Protein backbone atom coordinates (compact mmCIF):
# COMPACT_ATOMS: atom_id res chain seq x y z
CA UNK A 1 -1.37 1.50 22.73
CA UNK A 2 -3.72 0.27 20.04
CA UNK A 3 -7.01 1.49 21.52
CA UNK A 4 -6.49 5.24 19.90
CA UNK A 5 -5.85 3.71 16.39
CA UNK A 6 -9.12 3.85 14.41
CA UNK A 7 -9.68 1.41 11.60
CA UNK A 8 -12.71 0.77 9.46
CA UNK A 9 -13.63 -2.11 11.50
CA UNK A 10 -12.36 -1.20 14.87
CA UNK A 11 -9.58 -3.87 14.91
CA UNK A 12 -6.37 -2.27 13.98
CA UNK A 13 -4.15 -5.46 14.13
CA UNK A 14 -6.56 -7.65 12.13
CA UNK A 15 -7.18 -4.93 9.54
CA UNK A 16 -3.32 -4.38 9.23
CA UNK A 17 -2.60 -8.11 8.91
CA UNK A 18 -5.45 -8.46 6.03
CA UNK A 19 -4.03 -5.60 4.25
CA UNK A 20 -0.44 -6.87 4.37
CA UNK A 21 -1.59 -10.13 3.03
CA UNK A 22 -3.33 -8.29 -0.01
CA UNK A 23 -0.48 -5.99 -0.53
CA UNK A 24 1.91 -9.22 -0.62
CA UNK A 25 -0.64 -10.77 -3.15
CA UNK A 26 -0.82 -7.58 -5.01
CA UNK A 27 2.87 -7.45 -5.57
CA UNK A 28 3.26 -11.06 -6.59
CA UNK A 29 0.61 -10.65 -9.21
CA UNK A 30 1.96 -7.30 -10.56
CA UNK A 31 5.21 -9.24 -11.45
CA UNK A 32 3.50 -12.38 -12.32
CA UNK A 33 1.26 -10.60 -14.83
CA UNK A 34 4.12 -8.44 -15.90
CA UNK A 35 2.27 -5.26 -15.18
CA UNK A 36 5.31 -2.76 -15.39
CA UNK A 37 7.50 -5.35 -13.89
CA UNK A 38 9.08 -8.33 -15.57
CA UNK A 39 10.74 -11.17 -14.05
CA UNK A 40 14.54 -11.50 -14.54
CA UNK A 41 15.76 -15.11 -13.95
CA UNK A 42 19.21 -16.21 -14.38
CA UNK A 43 19.43 -19.30 -16.56
CA UNK A 44 21.54 -21.02 -13.79
CA UNK A 45 19.08 -20.56 -11.05
CA UNK A 46 16.82 -23.62 -9.83
CA UNK A 47 13.11 -23.30 -9.18
CA UNK A 48 13.58 -23.08 -5.47
CA UNK A 49 15.90 -20.16 -5.65
CA UNK A 50 13.77 -18.11 -8.21
CA UNK A 51 10.65 -19.21 -5.98
CA UNK A 52 12.06 -18.00 -2.84
CA UNK A 53 13.58 -14.68 -4.30
CA UNK A 54 10.05 -13.72 -5.76
CA UNK A 55 8.62 -14.50 -2.37
CA UNK A 56 11.13 -12.53 -0.50
CA UNK A 57 10.54 -9.66 -2.97
CA UNK A 58 6.76 -9.80 -2.58
CA UNK A 59 7.07 -9.61 1.19
CA UNK A 60 9.38 -6.92 1.12
CA UNK A 61 7.69 -4.72 -1.35
CA UNK A 62 4.21 -5.23 0.38
CA UNK A 63 5.42 -4.57 3.84
CA UNK A 64 7.32 -1.32 2.48
CA UNK A 65 4.36 -0.16 0.41
CA UNK A 66 1.92 -0.66 3.33
CA UNK A 67 4.03 1.06 5.95
CA UNK A 68 5.17 3.87 3.63
CA UNK A 69 1.69 4.51 2.94
CA UNK A 70 0.41 4.49 6.06
CA UNK A 71 3.10 7.13 7.06
CA UNK A 72 2.38 9.31 4.07
CA UNK A 73 -1.37 9.09 5.02
CA UNK A 74 -0.76 10.09 8.88
CA UNK A 75 1.65 12.84 7.95
CA UNK A 76 -0.83 14.49 5.72
CA UNK A 77 -3.47 14.22 8.13
CA UNK A 78 -1.07 15.77 10.92
CA UNK A 79 0.17 18.26 8.63
CA UNK A 80 -3.14 19.67 7.43
CA UNK A 81 -5.21 18.97 10.56
CA UNK A 82 -7.52 16.46 9.01
CA UNK A 83 -10.16 14.16 10.04
CA UNK A 84 -9.73 12.24 6.84
CA UNK A 85 -7.35 12.55 4.06
CA UNK A 86 -9.97 11.47 1.32
CA UNK A 87 -9.44 8.92 -1.22
CA UNK A 88 -7.48 11.02 -3.68
CA UNK A 89 -4.80 11.72 -1.33
CA UNK A 90 -4.87 8.41 0.25
CA UNK A 91 -4.85 6.52 -3.17
CA UNK A 92 -1.73 9.25 -4.46
CA UNK A 93 0.31 8.40 -1.33
CA UNK A 94 -0.37 4.43 -1.65
CA UNK A 95 0.69 4.55 -5.33
CA UNK A 96 3.60 6.25 -4.50
CA UNK A 97 4.49 3.91 -1.72
CA UNK A 98 3.79 1.02 -3.96
CA UNK A 99 5.99 2.24 -6.37
CA UNK A 100 8.88 2.74 -3.66
CA UNK A 101 8.17 -0.78 -2.43
CA UNK A 102 8.62 -2.30 -5.96
CA UNK A 103 11.71 -0.30 -6.55
CA UNK A 104 13.61 -1.23 -3.35
CA UNK A 105 12.67 -4.88 -3.37
CA UNK A 106 13.85 -5.04 -6.82
CA UNK A 107 17.08 -3.65 -6.22
CA UNK A 108 17.54 -5.70 -3.01
CA UNK A 109 16.48 -9.16 -4.63
CA UNK A 110 16.96 -8.82 -8.14
CA UNK A 111 13.94 -11.08 -8.67
CA UNK A 112 12.30 -8.55 -11.26
CA UNK A 113 13.07 -5.64 -13.25
CA UNK A 114 10.78 -2.60 -13.41
CA UNK A 115 10.13 -1.79 -17.13
CA UNK A 116 7.50 1.09 -16.46
CA UNK A 117 7.91 1.81 -12.73
CA UNK A 118 4.67 4.17 -12.67
CA UNK A 119 2.69 1.57 -14.31
CA UNK A 120 3.94 -1.38 -11.92
CA UNK A 121 3.37 1.09 -8.82
CA UNK A 122 -0.14 2.10 -10.02
CA UNK A 123 -0.80 -1.73 -10.64
CA UNK A 124 0.20 -2.79 -7.51
CA UNK A 125 -1.72 -0.20 -5.85
CA UNK A 126 -4.81 -0.92 -7.87
CA UNK A 127 -4.70 -4.60 -7.01
CA UNK A 128 -4.09 -4.34 -3.42
CA UNK A 129 -7.01 -1.46 -2.86
CA UNK A 130 -9.19 -3.18 -5.70
CA UNK A 131 -9.34 -6.47 -3.49
CA UNK A 132 -9.44 -5.03 -0.21
CA UNK A 133 -12.41 -2.85 -1.14
CA UNK A 134 -14.11 -5.97 -2.79
CA UNK A 135 -13.54 -8.13 0.12
CA UNK A 136 -14.66 -5.41 2.54
CA UNK A 137 -11.30 -4.56 4.23
CA UNK A 138 -11.54 -1.14 3.13
CA UNK A 139 -15.08 0.52 3.50
CA UNK A 140 -16.43 1.91 0.44
CA UNK A 141 -19.57 3.88 2.43
CA UNK A 142 -18.39 6.67 4.80
CA UNK A 143 -15.52 7.83 3.11
CA UNK A 144 -14.90 10.81 1.15
CA UNK A 145 -13.08 11.67 -2.13
CA UNK A 146 -11.78 15.11 -0.85
CA UNK A 147 -9.88 15.98 2.31
CA UNK A 148 -11.99 16.97 5.55
CA UNK A 149 -10.51 19.43 7.91
CA UNK A 150 -11.17 18.93 11.56
CA UNK A 151 -13.71 21.55 13.18
CA UNK A 152 -12.04 24.17 15.08
CA UNK A 153 -13.08 24.88 18.45
CA UNK A 154 -13.99 28.62 18.75
CA UNK A 155 -13.21 30.23 22.19
CA UNK A 156 -16.31 31.48 24.16
CA UNK A 157 -16.60 35.15 23.80
CA UNK A 158 -17.99 35.95 27.50
């Protein structure tokens, strides 16, 4: 099943697990550093309840963002018959999915409020991909900024 999936390092499950960890970390940092999101804590809540709520929200936002970003990227590749979506389209799709993940997690868990949703989504995406690129999880070389179409096979004219 996973033999057809191509990732930068030819290890689809390991790549997915590392990206998930980086997305969870980026979600937690986005809220902790108040980058478009602000923690809302009821005065009556204990530290354990607050921590659990933030962890659940970060895990949920990370999972939704990563899976939705993969879905958007794969859909664009399929719809336009592309070999690579290019960084512009991939990054835009993941920015959008990061915003959606934060919005849904904030509604479900109530651990934070999005004060500037577009900034929160961008911060989340930028942190996740920045860490992934710096750590070599996402390769820098060999990728294009613009989409690349698949080569069209021309029928033999004999």
